[in-house]
Each structure stands twice: as C-alpha cells, then as structure tokens.
Amino acid sequence: MTWSSRDPALPGPVLEHRRIRLGDVVFQGISVAAALAATGLLGLITFKVIAQAWPAMRGFGIGFVWTEAWNPVAERFGALTFVYGTVVTALIALLLATPLSIAIALFLAEVAPRRLAAPIATVVELLAAIPSVVLGLWGILVFGPWVAQHLEPWLLSWLGFLPIFSGDPSQAGILPAALVLTIMIVPITSAICRELFVRTPRDLMDGAMALGSTRWEAIRGVMFAYAAPGISAAVLLGLGRAFGEAIAVTQVVGGADFISASLYAPGDTLASRIASQYQGATSNLQVGSILYLAAILMVISLATNLAALLVVRRFEKARRAA
C-alpha cells in the first residue's frame, strides 16, 4: 500500500523531529529564570543575615539560644526569652485557630446555604487584608482592655490554681498576643480548608451516606481523610505566619526581657524584638545579636516548612497505599 492510498484512519508516520516553537522556549526560559531567581534571593538573604550576625555568633556561640539575657549596656545578649515567647504565643494561637478554622470551613462548605456562605466567606477572608499595625492598634485600644477586664479575671477565678493562669490580669502580655495571632491566622487556615472541603468528590460523600453513614460520619471518614494532607499544610502555614508576625505582636506582647510561667505577664518574641530594636541598636554587637535572632527565626520557619512538606508526603503515601 502506497502512502497516497493508505487508510486515513490509520495513524500517521512518527515525526522524528518536533519543531521547536518560540513560545515554548520563552516559557521554559522564564520558568527556569524565576526558579533560579527565587533560589538565589533566598541564598543571598541567608548569606547577608549570617554575615551580619557573625560577630554575635562568634562571641556567644550556640549557647546564645538558651541564654536568658538581654542587656545592651553590659553587652550581654541571649535568645531564650524570645524563643520561649515565639513558641508559646504561636502554639496557643495554633491550638485555638485550628478547630475554629476547620469549624468555619465546614460550616461554609456543608451547612450554610450558598446565599449565606458567600458573604460570610468574604468577611472572614477580609480579616487577612487588615494591616497588622491596625490590628495591633485594635489590640491596644479595644481587645487588650477587654481581655484584662473580662477574660483573664474569668480564667483566674476558674483556673487560677494553674501557674499559667496566675498573677495580675494585664492588657499587654503573652495571652493577648496569642489571641491576636489567632485572629490573624484564622482567615488563612479557614480559606484553605474550605477550598479543600468544597473540592471533595461528592460521589464519595453520597456513597458513604448511601451505605448508612450519618452526615458527620461521612465528613469524618471521607472528607477529613480526603483533605487531611491539605489541612495539615494549612495548619503549618498558619503556624509559620504566627512565628513571623512582628508588628501586631510588638504592640500587645509587652516587650519584657524575662520568662514568666504566667500567660498574663509581658513577654517578647523573636520577630517582635527584631522589629522593635534594630533601628535603635547602639553597638555592633547588639546589631549582630539582633541578626542572630533573625537567623534563629529563619531556622524555625525552615523547619516548619519542611515539617509541612513531610506531613503532606506522608499523607499522600498513606492514601496511595489505601
């Protein structure tokens, strides 16, 4: 059979060489350049921070991390107070924001009618658009006094036997800072969780309920299982935001240089100390110590992102195995 008489339904000859298109080359070049630029920028930032922090790293060593001292006059510096404040405020915010965000996402995705879900979702997401400095001012003027006059006395009356809820109520401290962080990370986490719940295949949910599952059992057994990797990533993304927030926390945390067991006492975080004292540093060693705090914060943020990646991969492997 000659080429002219062959059946047109049969597959054509295999092309040995695919024509190179200009658009493909440009797209590939831009993609590679963007990836290299992001990697190079991250490397440049890391190098600059470590270079500026090197005098403090060389002078204090790794002991800087667990030293509780910050005295610019005596030039004695340590990061323990700020690491403690960062971890405590972020974990409290995470414990409060995670169930609240999931509940909001479930309500918007499964319970609320569409005409009601859309405006509520918009309002929740608009919280993320509020500048942190404005939220911090609200914390100083409105939220902090409410916490000191109502919430902390109530916790003291019921849970005052616990060291974390003992002491005098205060409108500036670890607890108000953690609550402000909770408000800041709820919109991010809830928006991601809502998208995950909406994208859950409806035939899986309908099949589970057709087999006799209640709506809650279908949500728990099907929707949560399907969205588990994304939920974990969303929660850790919120945790990373809580670790790095500076301005709003600076306005409500109190700026103390000591560690207290009580959540009512003032404290400070890594990001807050960097934002509040870098411009007013009086010596090269203090500047290096502040940049050392920045390096520690970068390590914490990197560890959080790696943890999110590992959690997502673990869930994906478990899903494939199932």
C-alpha atoms as a PDB file:
ATOM      1  CA  MET A   1       0.000   0.000   0.000  1.00  0.00           C
ATOM      2  CA  THR A   2       1.407   3.352  -1.051  1.00  0.00           C
ATOM      3  CA  TRP A   3       1.231   6.465   1.092  1.00  0.00           C
ATOM      4  CA  SER A   4      -1.327   8.063  -1.192  1.00  0.00           C
ATOM      5  CA  SER A   5      -3.680   5.077  -0.946  1.00  0.00           C
ATOM      6  CA  ARG A   6      -3.371   4.275   2.751  1.00  0.00           C
ATOM      7  CA  ASP A   7      -6.415   4.452   5.021  1.00  0.00           C
ATOM      8  CA  PRO A   8      -6.669   7.960   6.575  1.00  0.00           C
ATOM      9  CA  ALA A   9      -7.959   6.369   9.802  1.00  0.00           C
ATOM     10  CA  LEU A  10      -4.606   4.689  10.358  1.00  0.00           C
ATOM     11  CA  PRO A  11      -2.041   6.535  12.483  1.00  0.00           C
ATOM     12  CA  GLY A  12       0.328   8.701  10.572  1.00  0.00           C
ATOM     13  CA  PRO A  13       4.087   8.364  10.424  1.00  0.00           C
ATOM     14  CA  VAL A  14       6.040   9.124  13.594  1.00  0.00           C
ATOM     15  CA  LEU A  15       7.717  12.514  13.461  1.00  0.00           C
ATOM     16  CA  GLU A  16      11.401  12.167  14.067  1.00  0.00           C
ATOM     17  CA  HIS A  17      11.943  15.763  14.966  1.00  0.00           C
ATOM     18  CA  ARG A  18       9.451  18.004  16.704  1.00  0.00           C
ATOM     19  CA  ARG A  19       9.545  21.582  15.563  1.00  0.00           C
ATOM     20  CA  ILE A  20      10.836  23.920  18.261  1.00  0.00           C
ATOM     21  CA  ARG A  21       8.399  26.745  18.978  1.00  0.00           C
ATOM     22  CA  LEU A  22       9.466  30.143  20.190  1.00  0.00           C
ATOM     23  CA  GLY A  23       6.695  30.290  22.802  1.00  0.00           C
ATOM     24  CA  ASP A  24       7.850  27.035  24.413  1.00  0.00           C
ATOM     25  CA  VAL A  25      11.434  28.250  24.586  1.00  0.00           C
ATOM     26  CA  VAL A  26      10.423  31.591  26.116  1.00  0.00           C
ATOM     27  CA  PHE A  27       8.127  29.911  28.644  1.00  0.00           C
ATOM     28  CA  GLN A  28      10.831  27.455  29.677  1.00  0.00           C
ATOM     29  CA  GLY A  29      13.408  30.226  29.972  1.00  0.00           C
ATOM     30  CA  ILE A  30      11.152  32.387  32.128  1.00  0.00           C
ATOM     31  CA  SER A  31      10.277  29.432  34.374  1.00  0.00           C
ATOM     32  CA  VAL A  32      13.912  28.468  34.891  1.00  0.00           C
ATOM     33  CA  ALA A  33      14.911  32.104  35.487  1.00  0.00           C
ATOM     34  CA  ALA A  34      12.142  32.566  38.069  1.00  0.00           C
ATOM     35  CA  ALA A  35      13.141  29.400  39.926  1.00  0.00           C
ATOM     36  CA  LEU A  36      16.822  30.356  39.915  1.00  0.00           C
ATOM     37  CA  ALA A  37      15.996  33.927  40.993  1.00  0.00           C
ATOM     38  CA  ALA A  38      13.936  32.708  43.953  1.00  0.00           C
ATOM     39  CA  THR A  39      16.676  30.299  44.996  1.00  0.00           C
ATOM     40  CA  GLY A  40      19.362  32.923  44.575  1.00  0.00           C
ATOM     41  CA  LEU A  41      17.372  35.510  46.538  1.00  0.00           C
ATOM     42  CA  LEU A  42      16.891  33.072  49.406  1.00  0.00           C
ATOM     43  CA  GLY A  43      20.597  32.269  49.379  1.00  0.00           C
ATOM     44  CA  LEU A  44      21.516  35.960  49.302  1.00  0.00           C
ATOM     45  CA  ILE A  45      19.225  36.763  52.243  1.00  0.00           C
ATOM     46  CA  THR A  46      20.639  33.851  54.234  1.00  0.00           C
ATOM     47  CA  PHE A  47      24.217  34.874  53.476  1.00  0.00           C
ATOM     48  CA  LYS A  48      23.574  38.501  54.426  1.00  0.00           C
ATOM     49  CA  VAL A  49      21.866  37.610  57.712  1.00  0.00           C
ATOM     50  CA  ILE A  50      24.635  35.194  58.722  1.00  0.00           C
ATOM     51  CA  ALA A  51      27.345  37.664  57.720  1.00  0.00           C
ATOM     52  CA  GLN A  52      25.781  40.423  59.814  1.00  0.00           C
ATOM     53  CA  ALA A  53      25.189  38.040  62.724  1.00  0.00           C
ATOM     54  CA  TRP A  54      28.687  36.533  62.620  1.00  0.00           C
ATOM     55  CA  PRO A  55      30.204  38.755  65.357  1.00  0.00           C
ATOM     56  CA  ALA A  56      27.491  37.615  67.799  1.00  0.00           C
ATOM     57  CA  MET A  57      27.724  34.002  66.612  1.00  0.00           C
ATOM     58  CA  ARG A  58      31.462  34.011  67.156  1.00  0.00           C
ATOM     59  CA  GLY A  59      31.199  35.754  70.523  1.00  0.00           C
ATOM     60  CA  PHE A  60      28.298  33.842  72.092  1.00  0.00           C
ATOM     61  CA  GLY A  61      28.286  30.562  70.195  1.00  0.00           C
ATOM     62  CA  ILE A  62      25.354  28.173  70.229  1.00  0.00           C
ATOM     63  CA  GLY A  63      24.803  28.989  73.918  1.00  0.00           C
ATOM     64  CA  PHE A  64      23.140  32.200  72.740  1.00  0.00           C
ATOM     65  CA  VAL A  65      19.990  30.157  72.019  1.00  0.00           C
ATOM     66  CA  TRP A  66      19.436  29.083  75.646  1.00  0.00           C
ATOM     67  CA  THR A  67      20.800  32.176  77.401  1.00  0.00           C
ATOM     68  CA  GLU A  68      18.201  34.342  79.135  1.00  0.00           C
ATOM     69  CA  ALA A  69      19.822  37.770  78.957  1.00  0.00           C
ATOM     70  CA  TRP A  70      19.323  40.988  77.007  1.00  0.00           C
ATOM     71  CA  ASN A  71      21.327  43.872  78.432  1.00  0.00           C
ATOM     72  CA  PRO A  72      22.655  46.310  75.810  1.00  0.00           C
ATOM     73  CA  VAL A  73      24.507  48.330  78.480  1.00  0.00           C
ATOM     74  CA  ALA A  74      26.547  45.337  79.656  1.00  0.00           C
ATOM     75  CA  GLU A  75      26.516  43.862  76.110  1.00  0.00           C
ATOM     76  CA  ARG A  76      25.106  40.558  77.339  1.00  0.00           C
ATOM     77  CA  PHE A  77      22.624  39.018  74.940  1.00  0.00           C
ATOM     78  CA  GLY A  78      20.668  35.781  74.674  1.00  0.00           C
ATOM     79  CA  ALA A  79      17.685  34.462  72.747  1.00  0.00           C
ATOM     80  CA  LEU A  80      15.925  32.150  75.231  1.00  0.00           C
ATOM     81  CA  THR A  81      13.302  34.711  76.323  1.00  0.00           C
ATOM     82  CA  PHE A  82      12.317  35.433  72.734  1.00  0.00           C
ATOM     83  CA  VAL A  83      12.378  31.807  71.579  1.00  0.00           C
ATOM     84  CA  TYR A  84      10.091  30.985  74.505  1.00  0.00           C
ATOM     85  CA  GLY A  85       7.714  33.838  73.668  1.00  0.00           C
ATOM     86  CA  THR A  86       7.664  32.901  69.976  1.00  0.00           C
ATOM     87  CA  VAL A  87       6.918  29.234  70.603  1.00  0.00           C
ATOM     88  CA  VAL A  88       4.313  29.818  73.333  1.00  0.00           C
ATOM     89  CA  THR A  89       2.327  32.503  71.502  1.00  0.00           C
ATOM     90  CA  ALA A  90       2.410  30.558  68.214  1.00  0.00           C
ATOM     91  CA  LEU A  91       1.346  27.263  69.801  1.00  0.00           C
ATOM     92  CA  ILE A  92      -1.522  28.885  71.712  1.00  0.00           C
ATOM     93  CA  ALA A  93      -2.664  30.573  68.509  1.00  0.00           C
ATOM     94  CA  LEU A  94      -2.412  27.264  66.659  1.00  0.00           C
ATOM     95  CA  LEU A  95      -4.414  25.370  69.298  1.00  0.00           C
ATOM     96  CA  LEU A  96      -7.166  27.963  69.173  1.00  0.00           C
ATOM     97  CA  ALA A  97      -7.180  28.713  65.446  1.00  0.00           C
ATOM     98  CA  THR A  98      -7.118  25.128  64.122  1.00  0.00           C
ATOM     99  CA  PRO A  99     -10.504  23.899  65.427  1.00  0.00           C
ATOM    100  CA  LEU A 100     -12.047  27.328  64.816  1.00  0.00           C
ATOM    101  CA  SER A 101     -10.807  27.418  61.218  1.00  0.00           C
ATOM    102  CA  ILE A 102     -11.972  23.872  60.480  1.00  0.00           C
ATOM    103  CA  ALA A 103     -15.384  24.622  62.012  1.00  0.00           C
ATOM    104  CA  ILE A 104     -15.751  27.779  59.899  1.00  0.00           C
ATOM    105  CA  ALA A 105     -14.716  25.891  56.765  1.00  0.00           C
ATOM    106  CA  LEU A 106     -17.169  23.052  57.467  1.00  0.00           C
ATOM    107  CA  PHE A 107     -19.991  25.498  58.107  1.00  0.00           C
ATOM    108  CA  LEU A 108     -19.348  27.348  54.861  1.00  0.00           C
ATOM    109  CA  ALA A 109     -18.846  24.191  52.783  1.00  0.00           C
ATOM    110  CA  GLU A 110     -21.501  21.849  54.211  1.00  0.00           C
ATOM    111  CA  VAL A 111     -24.027  23.650  56.393  1.00  0.00           C
ATOM    112  CA  ALA A 112     -24.640  27.231  55.289  1.00  0.00           C
ATOM    113  CA  PRO A 113     -26.820  27.889  52.229  1.00  0.00           C
ATOM    114  CA  ARG A 114     -24.991  29.365  49.259  1.00  0.00           C
ATOM    115  CA  ARG A 115     -26.507  32.825  49.556  1.00  0.00           C
ATOM    116  CA  LEU A 116     -25.264  32.970  53.152  1.00  0.00           C
ATOM    117  CA  ALA A 117     -21.941  31.163  52.704  1.00  0.00           C
ATOM    118  CA  ALA A 118     -20.560  33.582  50.104  1.00  0.00           C
ATOM    119  CA  PRO A 119     -20.813  36.799  52.174  1.00  0.00           C
ATOM    120  CA  ILE A 120     -19.584  35.075  55.350  1.00  0.00           C
ATOM    121  CA  ALA A 121     -16.582  33.670  53.480  1.00  0.00           C
ATOM    122  CA  THR A 122     -15.836  37.135  52.108  1.00  0.00           C
ATOM    123  CA  VAL A 123     -15.965  38.698  55.564  1.00  0.00           C
ATOM    124  CA  VAL A 124     -13.669  36.012  57.020  1.00  0.00           C
ATOM    125  CA  GLU A 125     -11.163  36.411  54.200  1.00  0.00           C
ATOM    126  CA  LEU A 126     -11.231  40.209  54.584  1.00  0.00           C
ATOM    127  CA  LEU A 127      -9.702  39.751  58.039  1.00  0.00           C
ATOM    128  CA  ALA A 128      -6.491  38.748  56.265  1.00  0.00           C
ATOM    129  CA  ALA A 129      -6.491  42.108  54.443  1.00  0.00           C
ATOM    130  CA  ILE A 130      -6.399  44.158  57.644  1.00  0.00           C
ATOM    131  CA  PRO A 131      -2.866  45.580  58.091  1.00  0.00           C
ATOM    132  CA  SER A 132      -1.109  44.106  61.087  1.00  0.00           C
ATOM    133  CA  VAL A 133      -0.401  47.554  62.529  1.00  0.00           C
ATOM    134  CA  VAL A 134      -4.137  48.327  62.507  1.00  0.00           C
ATOM    135  CA  LEU A 135      -4.891  45.018  64.175  1.00  0.00           C
ATOM    136  CA  GLY A 136      -2.224  45.805  66.758  1.00  0.00           C
ATOM    137  CA  LEU A 137      -3.788  49.190  67.493  1.00  0.00           C
ATOM    138  CA  TRP A 138      -7.156  47.481  67.894  1.00  0.00           C
ATOM    139  CA  GLY A 139      -5.463  45.097  70.305  1.00  0.00           C
ATOM    140  CA  ILE A 140      -4.121  48.008  72.360  1.00  0.00           C
ATOM    141  CA  LEU A 141      -7.289  50.098  72.418  1.00  0.00           C
ATOM    142  CA  VAL A 142     -10.109  47.542  72.409  1.00  0.00           C
ATOM    143  CA  PHE A 143      -9.120  43.903  72.658  1.00  0.00           C
ATOM    144  CA  GLY A 144      -6.376  44.206  75.286  1.00  0.00           C
ATOM    145  CA  PRO A 145      -8.572  46.073  77.810  1.00  0.00           C
ATOM    146  CA  TRP A 146     -11.396  43.554  77.258  1.00  0.00           C
ATOM    147  CA  VAL A 147      -9.006  40.669  77.902  1.00  0.00           C
ATOM    148  CA  ALA A 148      -7.677  42.332  81.073  1.00  0.00           C
ATOM    149  CA  GLN A 149     -11.111  43.259  82.426  1.00  0.00           C
ATOM    150  CA  HIS A 150     -13.164  40.191  81.500  1.00  0.00           C
ATOM    151  CA  LEU A 151     -11.345  37.178  80.043  1.00  0.00           C
ATOM    152  CA  GLU A 152      -8.305  37.000  82.329  1.00  0.00           C
ATOM    153  CA  PRO A 153     -10.305  37.536  85.563  1.00  0.00           C
ATOM    154  CA  TRP A 154     -12.708  34.783  84.465  1.00  0.00           C
ATOM    155  CA  LEU A 155      -9.809  32.412  83.752  1.00  0.00           C
ATOM    156  CA  LEU A 156      -8.235  33.390  87.066  1.00  0.00           C
ATOM    157  CA  SER A 157     -11.411  32.588  89.005  1.00  0.00           C
ATOM    158  CA  TRP A 158     -11.755  29.124  87.450  1.00  0.00           C
ATOM    159  CA  LEU A 159      -8.182  28.103  86.617  1.00  0.00           C
ATOM    160  CA  GLY A 160      -6.107  30.320  88.897  1.00  0.00           C
ATOM    161  CA  PHE A 161      -4.606  27.269  90.622  1.00  0.00           C
ATOM    162  CA  LEU A 162      -2.598  26.664  87.431  1.00  0.00           C
ATOM    163  CA  PRO A 163       0.644  28.678  87.167  1.00  0.00           C
ATOM    164  CA  ILE A 164      -0.127  29.748  83.602  1.00  0.00           C
ATOM    165  CA  PHE A 165      -3.345  31.485  84.714  1.00  0.00           C
ATOM    166  CA  SER A 166      -1.988  33.037  87.910  1.00  0.00           C
ATOM    167  CA  GLY A 167      -0.931  36.633  88.517  1.00  0.00           C
ATOM    168  CA  ASP A 168      -2.491  40.004  87.875  1.00  0.00           C
ATOM    169  CA  PRO A 169      -4.532  40.492  84.683  1.00  0.00           C
ATOM    170  CA  SER A 170      -2.857  42.741  82.143  1.00  0.00           C
ATOM    171  CA  GLN A 171      -3.835  44.119  78.747  1.00  0.00           C
ATOM    172  CA  ALA A 172      -0.307  43.523  77.412  1.00  0.00           C
ATOM    173  CA  GLY A 173       1.226  40.080  77.693  1.00  0.00           C
ATOM    174  CA  ILE A 174       1.658  36.619  76.215  1.00  0.00           C
ATOM    175  CA  LEU A 175      -2.066  35.773  76.224  1.00  0.00           C
ATOM    176  CA  PRO A 176      -3.272  38.921  74.413  1.00  0.00           C
ATOM    177  CA  ALA A 177      -0.506  38.458  71.826  1.00  0.00           C
ATOM    178  CA  ALA A 178      -1.509  34.828  71.274  1.00  0.00           C
ATOM    179  CA  LEU A 179      -5.167  35.805  70.826  1.00  0.00           C
ATOM    180  CA  VAL A 180      -4.263  38.495  68.291  1.00  0.00           C
ATOM    181  CA  LEU A 181      -2.197  35.913  66.401  1.00  0.00           C
ATOM    182  CA  THR A 182      -5.207  33.597  66.461  1.00  0.00           C
ATOM    183  CA  ILE A 183      -7.310  36.247  64.745  1.00  0.00           C
ATOM    184  CA  MET A 184      -4.580  36.754  62.152  1.00  0.00           C
ATOM    185  CA  ILE A 185      -4.128  33.104  61.127  1.00  0.00           C
ATOM    186  CA  VAL A 186      -7.798  32.026  61.150  1.00  0.00           C
ATOM    187  CA  PRO A 187      -8.608  33.596  57.729  1.00  0.00           C
ATOM    188  CA  ILE A 188      -5.690  31.853  56.013  1.00  0.00           C
ATOM    189  CA  THR A 189      -6.324  28.424  57.508  1.00  0.00           C
ATOM    190  CA  SER A 190     -10.103  28.537  57.125  1.00  0.00           C
ATOM    191  CA  ALA A 191      -9.923  29.675  53.484  1.00  0.00           C
ATOM    192  CA  ILE A 192      -7.605  26.808  52.534  1.00  0.00           C
ATOM    193  CA  CYS A 193      -9.676  24.249  54.473  1.00  0.00           C
ATOM    194  CA  ARG A 194     -12.874  25.492  52.824  1.00  0.00           C
ATOM    195  CA  GLU A 195     -11.401  25.014  49.354  1.00  0.00           C
ATOM    196  CA  LEU A 196     -10.311  21.518  50.303  1.00  0.00           C
ATOM    197  CA  PHE A 197     -13.757  20.588  51.616  1.00  0.00           C
ATOM    198  CA  VAL A 198     -15.523  22.030  48.563  1.00  0.00           C
ATOM    199  CA  ARG A 199     -13.256  20.006  46.255  1.00  0.00           C
ATOM    200  CA  THR A 200     -14.007  16.703  47.991  1.00  0.00           C
ATOM    201  CA  PRO A 201     -15.729  14.467  45.366  1.00  0.00           C
ATOM    202  CA  ARG A 202     -19.460  14.486  46.056  1.00  0.00           C
ATOM    203  CA  ASP A 203     -19.869  10.899  44.880  1.00  0.00           C
ATOM    204  CA  LEU A 204     -17.651   9.754  47.763  1.00  0.00           C
ATOM    205  CA  MET A 205     -19.781  11.647  50.297  1.00  0.00           C
ATOM    206  CA  ASP A 206     -23.034  10.480  48.719  1.00  0.00           C
ATOM    207  CA  GLY A 207     -21.776   6.907  48.592  1.00  0.00           C
ATOM    208  CA  ALA A 208     -20.837   6.950  52.274  1.00  0.00           C
ATOM    209  CA  MET A 209     -24.270   8.283  53.272  1.00  0.00           C
ATOM    210  CA  ALA A 210     -25.986   5.789  50.945  1.00  0.00           C
ATOM    211  CA  LEU A 211     -24.250   2.993  52.841  1.00  0.00           C
ATOM    212  CA  GLY A 212     -25.791   4.202  56.096  1.00  0.00           C
ATOM    213  CA  SER A 213     -23.313   6.762  57.399  1.00  0.00           C
ATOM    214  CA  THR A 214     -24.629   9.888  59.045  1.00  0.00           C
ATOM    215  CA  ARG A 215     -23.549  13.238  57.671  1.00  0.00           C
ATOM    216  CA  TRP A 216     -20.971  13.677  60.433  1.00  0.00           C
ATOM    217  CA  GLU A 217     -19.635  10.151  59.896  1.00  0.00           C
ATOM    218  CA  ALA A 218     -19.256  10.871  56.177  1.00  0.00           C
ATOM    219  CA  ILE A 219     -17.457  14.149  56.927  1.00  0.00           C
ATOM    220  CA  ARG A 220     -15.175  12.486  59.451  1.00  0.00           C
ATOM    221  CA  GLY A 221     -14.452   9.333  57.453  1.00  0.00           C
ATOM    222  CA  VAL A 222     -14.430  10.649  53.889  1.00  0.00           C
ATOM    223  CA  MET A 223     -13.979  14.418  53.771  1.00  0.00           C
ATOM    224  CA  PHE A 224     -11.337  14.636  56.501  1.00  0.00           C
ATOM    225  CA  ALA A 225      -9.455  11.659  55.044  1.00  0.00           C
ATOM    226  CA  TYR A 226      -9.505  13.194  51.569  1.00  0.00           C
ATOM    227  CA  ALA A 227      -8.446  16.653  52.759  1.00  0.00           C
ATOM    228  CA  ALA A 228      -6.001  15.574  55.507  1.00  0.00           C
ATOM    229  CA  PRO A 229      -2.774  16.487  53.626  1.00  0.00           C
ATOM    230  CA  GLY A 230      -4.090  19.931  52.752  1.00  0.00           C
ATOM    231  CA  ILE A 231      -5.428  20.560  56.248  1.00  0.00           C
ATOM    232  CA  SER A 232      -2.037  19.701  57.719  1.00  0.00           C
ATOM    233  CA  ALA A 233      -0.300  22.031  55.281  1.00  0.00           C
ATOM    234  CA  ALA A 234      -2.798  24.816  56.037  1.00  0.00           C
ATOM    235  CA  VAL A 235      -2.280  24.457  59.781  1.00  0.00           C
ATOM    236  CA  LEU A 236       1.501  24.568  59.430  1.00  0.00           C
ATOM    237  CA  LEU A 237       1.210  27.542  57.070  1.00  0.00           C
ATOM    238  CA  GLY A 238      -0.727  29.351  59.779  1.00  0.00           C
ATOM    239  CA  LEU A 239       1.929  28.354  62.296  1.00  0.00           C
ATOM    240  CA  GLY A 240       4.614  29.848  60.063  1.00  0.00           C
ATOM    241  CA  ARG A 241       2.618  33.096  59.881  1.00  0.00           C
ATOM    242  CA  ALA A 242       2.375  33.138  63.680  1.00  0.00           C
ATOM    243  CA  PHE A 243       6.136  32.618  64.043  1.00  0.00           C
ATOM    244  CA  GLY A 244       6.961  35.527  61.756  1.00  0.00           C
ATOM    245  CA  GLU A 245       4.402  38.157  62.786  1.00  0.00           C
ATOM    246  CA  ALA A 246       6.126  41.212  64.253  1.00  0.00           C
ATOM    247  CA  ILE A 247       4.207  44.489  64.294  1.00  0.00           C
ATOM    248  CA  ALA A 248       0.902  43.404  65.832  1.00  0.00           C
ATOM    249  CA  VAL A 249       2.704  41.278  68.422  1.00  0.00           C
ATOM    250  CA  THR A 250       5.066  44.117  69.315  1.00  0.00           C
ATOM    251  CA  GLN A 251       2.095  46.325  70.158  1.00  0.00           C
ATOM    252  CA  VAL A 252       0.417  43.883  72.566  1.00  0.00           C
ATOM    253  CA  VAL A 253       3.074  41.498  73.946  1.00  0.00           C
ATOM    254  CA  GLY A 254       4.648  43.902  76.429  1.00  0.00           C
ATOM    255  CA  GLY A 255       8.317  43.774  75.374  1.00  0.00           C
ATOM    256  CA  ALA A 256       9.678  42.126  78.546  1.00  0.00           C
ATOM    257  CA  ASP A 257      13.165  40.612  78.832  1.00  0.00           C
ATOM    258  CA  PHE A 258      12.288  37.775  81.204  1.00  0.00           C
ATOM    259  CA  ILE A 259      10.391  34.486  81.200  1.00  0.00           C
ATOM    260  CA  SER A 260       7.315  34.063  83.377  1.00  0.00           C
ATOM    261  CA  ALA A 261       5.157  30.997  83.849  1.00  0.00           C
ATOM    262  CA  SER A 262       2.019  33.153  83.758  1.00  0.00           C
ATOM    263  CA  LEU A 263       0.401  33.954  80.422  1.00  0.00           C
ATOM    264  CA  TYR A 264      -0.720  37.267  81.877  1.00  0.00           C
ATOM    265  CA  ALA A 265       2.863  38.520  82.222  1.00  0.00           C
ATOM    266  CA  PRO A 266       4.508  40.548  79.453  1.00  0.00           C
ATOM    267  CA  GLY A 267       6.984  38.839  77.158  1.00  0.00           C
ATOM    268  CA  ASP A 268       8.512  39.151  73.721  1.00  0.00           C
ATOM    269  CA  THR A 269       9.092  37.168  70.542  1.00  0.00           C
ATOM    270  CA  LEU A 270      11.924  36.894  68.041  1.00  0.00           C
ATOM    271  CA  ALA A 271      10.167  38.878  65.323  1.00  0.00           C
ATOM    272  CA  SER A 272       8.949  41.497  67.777  1.00  0.00           C
ATOM    273  CA  ARG A 273      12.408  42.078  69.270  1.00  0.00           C
ATOM    274  CA  ILE A 274      13.957  42.381  65.803  1.00  0.00           C
ATOM    275  CA  ALA A 275      11.335  44.916  64.695  1.00  0.00           C
ATOM    276  CA  SER A 276      11.448  46.995  67.868  1.00  0.00           C
ATOM    277  CA  GLN A 277      15.204  47.273  68.500  1.00  0.00           C
ATOM    278  CA  TYR A 278      17.107  47.002  65.226  1.00  0.00           C
ATOM    279  CA  GLN A 279      16.858  50.707  64.361  1.00  0.00           C
ATOM    280  CA  GLY A 280      17.851  51.768  67.888  1.00  0.00           C
ATOM    281  CA  ALA A 281      20.803  49.391  68.315  1.00  0.00           C
ATOM    282  CA  THR A 282      23.723  51.146  69.995  1.00  0.00           C
ATOM    283  CA  SER A 283      26.628  48.803  69.231  1.00  0.00           C
ATOM    284  CA  ASN A 284      27.832  46.407  66.571  1.00  0.00           C
ATOM    285  CA  LEU A 285      27.450  43.515  68.994  1.00  0.00           C
ATOM    286  CA  GLN A 286      23.806  44.390  69.584  1.00  0.00           C
ATOM    287  CA  VAL A 287      23.205  44.581  65.830  1.00  0.00           C
ATOM    288  CA  GLY A 288      24.872  41.196  65.437  1.00  0.00           C
ATOM    289  CA  SER A 289      22.751  39.751  68.250  1.00  0.00           C
ATOM    290  CA  ILE A 290      19.556  41.020  66.637  1.00  0.00           C
ATOM    291  CA  LEU A 291      20.616  39.442  63.338  1.00  0.00           C
ATOM    292  CA  TYR A 292      21.400  36.256  65.290  1.00  0.00           C
ATOM    293  CA  LEU A 293      17.754  36.324  66.401  1.00  0.00           C
ATOM    294  CA  ALA A 294      16.780  36.664  62.739  1.00  0.00           C
ATOM    295  CA  ALA A 295      18.888  33.624  61.844  1.00  0.00           C
ATOM    296  CA  ILE A 296      17.178  31.596  64.581  1.00  0.00           C
ATOM    297  CA  LEU A 297      13.777  32.696  63.275  1.00  0.00           C
ATOM    298  CA  MET A 298      14.760  31.635  59.756  1.00  0.00           C
ATOM    299  CA  VAL A 299      15.749  28.199  61.037  1.00  0.00           C
ATOM    300  CA  ILE A 300      12.427  27.838  62.864  1.00  0.00           C
ATOM    301  CA  SER A 301      10.492  28.884  59.752  1.00  0.00           C
ATOM    302  CA  LEU A 302      12.501  26.497  57.565  1.00  0.00           C
ATOM    303  CA  ALA A 303      11.862  23.637  59.995  1.00  0.00           C
ATOM    304  CA  THR A 304       8.134  24.433  59.922  1.00  0.00           C
ATOM    305  CA  ASN A 305       8.030  24.360  56.122  1.00  0.00           C
ATOM    306  CA  LEU A 306       9.966  21.095  55.992  1.00  0.00           C
ATOM    307  CA  ALA A 307       7.588  19.600  58.555  1.00  0.00           C
ATOM    308  CA  ALA A 308       4.639  20.641  56.388  1.00  0.00           C
ATOM    309  CA  LEU A 309       6.242  19.007  53.343  1.00  0.00           C
ATOM    310  CA  LEU A 310       6.945  15.770  55.216  1.00  0.00           C
ATOM    311  CA  VAL A 311       3.423  15.626  56.645  1.00  0.00           C
ATOM    312  CA  VAL A 312       1.850  16.118  53.216  1.00  0.00           C
ATOM    313  CA  ARG A 313       4.061  13.437  51.672  1.00  0.00           C
ATOM    314  CA  ARG A 314       3.254  11.022  54.480  1.00  0.00           C
ATOM    315  CA  PHE A 315      -0.489  11.508  53.997  1.00  0.00           C
ATOM    316  CA  GLU A 316      -0.102  11.086  50.247  1.00  0.00           C
ATOM    317  CA  LYS A 317       1.754   7.799  50.695  1.00  0.00           C
ATOM    318  CA  ALA A 318      -0.889   6.554  53.124  1.00  0.00           C
ATOM    319  CA  ARG A 319      -3.644   7.488  50.668  1.00  0.00           C
ATOM    320  CA  ARG A 320      -1.948   5.667  47.802  1.00  0.00           C
ATOM    321  CA  ALA A 321      -1.411   2.599  49.953  1.00  0.00           C
ATOM    322  CA  ALA A 322      -5.097   2.595  50.918  1.00  0.00           C
END
